Amino acid sequence: ATRTAPVVVGRPARVFVFAGWDAACQPLAPPEITITAAPAQGDISFRTGQETAIAASATGTCGGKKVSGTGVYYTARAGAAGTDRFALQARLASGETSSRTFEVRIVE
């Protein structure tokens, strides 16, 4: 996944929200997130309680609803430039895992 807006050096930027939900579209416990490939020019942090809209769900009934999850934030270090990539794996409370690779564009 590529963040469309560039990130500014030293300023945390949210790049994604990992969230799980049940059949009633209610959020599950926060996922366990592991960094599988660290970024070269920045740092990753996680913030729980981040609201996001569900893009699509397996049952088709939760699309567009709001749910709370864990936000993934990227902060470019001083001197960073160009693009940076990192990969994460999330294990939801349901046991389901999701792996994603992210790319960010850095501006000063």
Protein backbone atom coordinates (compact mmCIF):
# COMPACT_ATOMS: atom_id res chain seq x y z
CA ALA A 1 0.00 0.00 0.00
CA THR A 2 1.32 3.43 -0.87
CA ARG A 3 0.49 6.49 1.21
CA THR A 4 -0.64 9.08 -1.33
CA ALA A 5 0.30 12.18 0.71
CA PRO A 6 4.03 12.66 1.30
CA VAL A 7 5.40 12.40 4.84
CA VAL A 8 7.32 15.27 6.40
CA VAL A 9 10.62 14.60 8.21
CA GLY A 10 10.12 14.45 11.98
CA ARG A 11 6.32 14.46 11.83
CA PRO A 12 4.43 11.17 12.51
CA ALA A 13 2.11 10.29 9.62
CA ARG A 14 -0.62 7.65 9.78
CA VAL A 15 -0.24 5.19 6.93
CA PHE A 16 -2.79 2.51 7.84
CA VAL A 17 -5.18 1.20 10.50
CA PHE A 18 -5.28 -2.53 11.27
CA ALA A 19 -8.71 -3.45 12.65
CA GLY A 20 -10.76 -6.59 13.12
CA TRP A 21 -14.51 -6.78 13.64
CA ASP A 22 -17.17 -9.36 14.32
CA ALA A 23 -20.34 -10.23 12.36
CA ALA A 24 -22.16 -7.32 14.06
CA CYS A 25 -19.43 -4.90 12.83
CA GLN A 26 -18.13 -4.41 16.39
CA PRO A 27 -14.35 -4.09 16.84
CA LEU A 28 -12.32 -7.03 18.14
CA ALA A 29 -9.40 -6.69 20.56
CA PRO A 30 -6.38 -4.80 19.13
CA PRO A 31 -4.27 -6.91 16.76
CA GLU A 32 -0.74 -8.10 17.55
CA ILE A 33 1.47 -6.30 14.98
CA THR A 34 4.99 -7.38 14.02
CA ILE A 35 7.42 -5.41 11.85
CA THR A 36 8.64 -7.97 9.28
CA ALA A 37 10.82 -5.54 7.28
CA ALA A 38 11.92 -2.34 9.02
CA PRO A 39 12.07 1.00 7.18
CA ALA A 40 15.56 2.26 6.28
CA GLN A 41 14.91 5.98 6.86
CA GLY A 42 12.28 6.17 9.56
CA ASP A 43 10.59 4.65 12.58
CA ILE A 44 7.25 2.90 13.05
CA SER A 45 4.91 3.46 15.98
CA PHE A 46 1.45 2.13 16.82
CA ARG A 47 -1.52 3.92 18.39
CA THR A 48 -4.60 2.05 19.56
CA GLY A 49 -8.10 3.52 19.39
CA GLN A 50 -7.76 4.93 15.87
CA GLU A 51 -11.05 5.23 13.99
CA THR A 52 -11.32 4.09 10.37
CA ALA A 53 -14.06 3.23 7.91
CA ILE A 54 -14.40 -0.40 6.83
CA ALA A 55 -13.71 -0.53 3.08
CA ALA A 56 -15.16 -4.02 2.61
CA SER A 57 -16.06 -7.05 4.70
CA ALA A 58 -16.38 -10.74 3.90
CA THR A 59 -20.12 -10.71 4.63
CA GLY A 60 -20.63 -7.43 2.80
CA THR A 61 -22.62 -6.01 5.70
CA CYS A 62 -19.95 -3.85 7.38
CA GLY A 63 -18.70 -1.76 4.44
CA GLY A 64 -18.68 1.95 5.24
CA LYS A 65 -19.19 1.47 8.98
CA LYS A 66 -16.71 3.02 11.44
CA VAL A 67 -14.53 0.78 13.60
CA SER A 68 -11.64 1.34 16.00
CA GLY A 69 -8.26 -0.24 15.36
CA THR A 70 -4.50 0.22 15.72
CA GLY A 71 -3.00 3.02 13.65
CA VAL A 72 0.39 2.52 12.01
CA TYR A 73 2.48 5.72 12.02
CA TYR A 74 5.71 6.36 10.12
CA THR A 75 8.14 9.11 11.18
CA ALA A 76 10.97 9.96 8.76
CA ARG A 77 14.31 10.62 10.46
CA ALA A 78 16.36 13.80 9.88
CA GLY A 79 18.12 13.62 6.51
CA ALA A 80 15.59 11.15 5.05
CA ALA A 81 14.63 11.66 1.39
CA GLY A 82 12.96 9.87 -1.51
CA THR A 83 10.89 6.80 -0.70
CA ASP A 84 11.00 4.30 2.13
CA ARG A 85 9.38 0.88 2.47
CA PHE A 86 8.46 -1.38 5.35
CA ALA A 87 6.34 -4.48 5.94
CA LEU A 88 4.09 -5.54 8.80
CA GLN A 89 2.10 -8.58 9.81
CA ALA A 90 -0.97 -8.29 12.02
CA ARG A 91 -2.61 -11.16 13.89
CA LEU A 92 -6.22 -10.35 14.69
CA ALA A 93 -8.00 -11.60 17.81
CA SER A 94 -9.84 -14.03 15.49
CA GLY A 95 -6.48 -15.67 14.65
CA GLU A 96 -6.53 -14.35 11.09
CA THR A 97 -3.25 -12.83 9.86
CA SER A 98 -2.70 -10.04 7.37
CA SER A 99 0.64 -9.04 5.84
CA ARG A 100 1.14 -5.69 4.12
CA THR A 101 4.03 -3.81 2.56
CA PHE A 102 3.96 -0.02 2.70
CA GLU A 103 5.72 2.68 0.71
CA VAL A 104 5.99 6.32 1.75
CA ARG A 105 7.34 9.35 -0.11
CA ILE A 106 9.39 11.72 2.05
CA VAL A 107 9.57 15.51 1.71
CA GLU A 108 11.54 17.99 3.82
